[in-house]
Protein backbone atom coordinates (compact mmCIF):
# COMPACT_ATOMS: atom_id res chain seq x y z
CA MET A 1 -12.63 55.68 -25.42
CA LYS A 2 -12.44 51.79 -25.12
CA ARG A 3 -9.71 51.89 -22.64
CA LEU A 4 -11.60 54.23 -20.34
CA LEU A 5 -14.78 52.02 -20.72
CA SER A 6 -12.68 48.80 -20.06
CA PHE A 7 -10.99 50.44 -17.11
CA LEU A 8 -14.17 51.62 -15.59
CA ILE A 9 -15.82 47.92 -15.98
CA VAL A 10 -12.89 46.47 -14.25
CA LEU A 11 -12.78 49.09 -11.59
CA LEU A 12 -16.58 48.43 -10.99
CA LEU A 13 -16.02 44.69 -10.87
CA THR A 14 -13.25 45.05 -8.45
CA ILE A 15 -15.24 47.43 -6.10
CA SER A 16 -18.29 45.38 -6.17
CA CYS A 17 -16.68 42.05 -5.61
CA GLY A 18 -15.32 41.33 -1.97
CA GLY A 19 -16.28 42.72 1.26
CA ASP A 20 -16.38 41.80 4.82
CA ASP A 21 -18.78 39.00 4.39
CA ASP A 22 -16.97 37.12 1.59
CA ILE A 23 -14.53 35.13 3.71
CA CYS A 24 -14.88 33.63 7.33
CA GLU A 25 -11.44 34.65 8.58
CA SER A 26 -11.80 36.09 11.88
CA GLY A 27 -12.20 32.77 13.89
CA GLU A 28 -16.01 32.66 13.38
CA GLY A 29 -16.08 29.16 12.28
CA THR A 30 -17.04 26.09 14.61
CA PRO A 31 -14.82 26.09 17.63
CA ARG A 32 -12.62 23.13 18.62
CA MET A 33 -12.74 21.56 22.15
CA LYS A 34 -9.81 22.35 24.51
CA ILE A 35 -8.51 19.37 26.59
CA THR A 36 -5.79 20.06 29.02
CA PHE A 37 -3.56 17.40 30.73
CA LYS A 38 -3.38 16.79 34.57
CA LYS A 39 -1.15 14.76 36.97
CA ALA A 40 -1.93 14.50 40.65
CA ASP A 41 -4.50 17.41 40.33
CA LYS A 42 -2.00 19.81 38.66
CA ILE A 43 -1.78 20.91 34.95
CA THR A 44 1.05 19.25 33.52
CA THR A 45 3.16 19.35 30.21
CA LEU A 46 3.27 15.96 28.37
CA ASP A 47 6.38 15.16 26.53
CA SER A 48 4.22 13.58 23.75
CA VAL A 49 0.65 12.84 22.97
CA LYS A 50 -1.02 11.51 19.87
CA VAL A 51 -4.87 11.79 19.36
CA TYR A 52 -7.01 9.98 16.90
CA VAL A 53 -10.72 11.18 16.27
CA ASP A 54 -13.49 9.10 15.03
CA TYR A 55 -15.69 11.21 12.84
CA GLY A 56 -18.12 8.40 11.89
CA VAL A 57 -16.91 7.79 8.50
CA ARG A 58 -13.13 7.37 9.37
CA THR A 59 -10.80 7.73 12.05
CA VAL A 60 -8.44 10.62 11.60
CA ASP A 61 -4.96 10.70 13.17
CA LEU A 62 -4.29 14.35 14.31
CA GLY A 63 -0.64 13.51 14.88
CA TRP A 64 1.82 13.95 17.84
CA SER A 65 1.97 17.05 19.94
CA ARG A 66 5.10 17.54 21.69
CA ASN A 67 5.85 19.27 25.13
CA THR A 68 2.14 20.60 25.39
CA ASP A 69 -0.13 20.91 28.40
CA SER A 70 -3.27 21.18 26.07
CA ILE A 71 -4.61 20.35 22.69
CA LEU A 72 -7.39 21.59 20.41
CA ILE A 73 -9.72 18.86 18.86
CA PRO A 74 -12.41 19.38 16.19
CA LEU A 75 -15.55 17.51 17.09
CA ARG A 76 -18.01 16.02 14.82
CA VAL A 77 -20.30 18.27 12.77
CA ASP A 78 -22.83 15.77 11.67
CA GLU A 79 -26.08 14.85 13.58
CA SER A 80 -24.11 12.50 16.11
CA PRO A 81 -24.44 13.37 19.70
CA PHE A 82 -20.86 12.22 20.46
CA THR A 83 -17.05 12.02 19.25
CA ASP A 84 -14.82 9.22 20.22
CA LEU A 85 -11.19 10.04 20.91
CA PHE A 86 -8.27 7.76 21.22
CA ILE A 87 -5.32 9.08 23.25
CA LYS A 88 -1.80 7.61 23.44
CA THR A 89 1.50 8.94 24.82
CA THR A 90 3.87 6.19 23.35
CA LYS A 91 4.28 4.95 19.97
CA LYS A 92 3.78 1.05 21.14
CA GLY A 93 1.54 1.92 24.15
CA ASP A 94 -2.13 1.47 24.40
CA SER A 95 -4.84 4.03 23.52
CA SER A 96 -7.33 5.29 25.90
CA LYS A 97 -10.75 5.81 24.52
CA ILE A 98 -12.88 8.73 25.67
CA ARG A 99 -16.30 9.64 24.51
CA VAL A 100 -17.20 13.25 24.35
CA SER A 101 -20.96 13.75 24.33
CA TYR A 102 -22.67 17.07 23.79
CA THR A 103 -25.69 18.77 22.05
CA ALA A 104 -24.83 20.58 18.85
CA ARG A 105 -26.53 23.92 18.17
CA SER A 106 -26.36 25.60 14.73
CA ILE A 107 -25.93 29.50 14.74
CA TYR A 108 -25.91 31.61 11.68
CA VAL A 109 -22.80 33.91 11.37
CA SER A 110 -22.83 35.82 8.06
CA PRO A 111 -23.31 35.17 4.10
CA GLY A 112 -19.80 34.33 3.92
CA CYS A 113 -19.42 32.00 6.87
CA GLY A 114 -22.90 30.65 6.89
CA ALA A 115 -23.42 28.77 10.08
CA LYS A 116 -21.43 27.37 12.83
CA LEU A 117 -21.93 24.78 15.64
CA ASN A 118 -21.84 25.65 19.22
CA TYR A 119 -21.68 22.63 21.62
CA GLU A 120 -23.64 22.47 25.07
CA ASN A 121 -23.82 19.77 27.72
CA VAL A 122 -20.25 18.84 26.91
CA SER A 123 -19.24 15.89 28.97
CA GLY A 124 -16.49 13.15 28.76
CA GLN A 125 -16.50 9.44 29.62
CA LEU A 126 -13.51 7.15 29.92
CA LEU A 127 -14.51 3.92 28.00
CA LYS A 128 -10.91 2.52 28.08
CA ALA A 129 -8.12 3.47 30.49
CA THR A 130 -4.43 3.48 30.23
CA PRO A 131 -2.70 5.93 29.81
CA VAL A 132 -5.61 8.21 30.85
CA VAL A 133 -6.71 7.24 34.19
CA LYS A 134 -9.63 9.74 34.55
CA VAL A 135 -11.70 12.33 32.83
CA GLU A 136 -12.75 15.66 34.59
CA SER A 137 -15.30 18.32 33.39
CA GLY A 138 -14.25 21.79 32.69
CA GLN A 139 -16.61 24.45 30.98
CA ASN A 140 -19.48 22.43 29.61
CA PHE A 141 -20.01 24.47 26.55
CA ILE A 142 -17.93 25.33 23.55
CA GLN A 143 -18.38 28.67 22.19
CA ASN A 144 -14.92 29.57 21.60
CA GLU A 145 -11.49 27.89 22.17
CA GLU A 146 -10.31 29.83 25.16
CA LYS A 147 -11.56 27.76 28.15
CA THR A 148 -10.70 24.06 28.95
CA ASN A 149 -13.64 21.62 28.29
CA LEU A 150 -12.14 18.49 29.52
CA TYR A 151 -9.29 17.56 31.72
CA LEU A 152 -7.41 14.12 31.14
CA VAL A 153 -5.77 12.89 34.35
CA PHE A 154 -2.54 10.63 33.64
């Protein structure tokens, strides 16, 4: 009898725990910004690119990406209206500084995920050139990671 009761308790706990809202696993979190690279008005693949992101408290090295035409960058999730990016293409070369400005809007997703941020009025400003020579706008809002938000021209 004790075994049956123990089994039923464990079964009830197993069934009651879990569910679709426990984990935010279907890409419902805050989306990253997509940046695509261009040379002479054509999308190009860079041999290597390194990105640093200033998140206010510290600057994070996102590492080197090799043979890529685009990258996804997480933006700040605090109250700041901008995120500063530093882009370089060689180990010893200079870094370009790009300021990405936006308006962040919090949107409720589910009990498990909580809220996520969507970014609107996204724009980029080149604060320090070389190796990047120009910043061009793409889609000016970020709701998912499919469309390019900024083009960096080299």
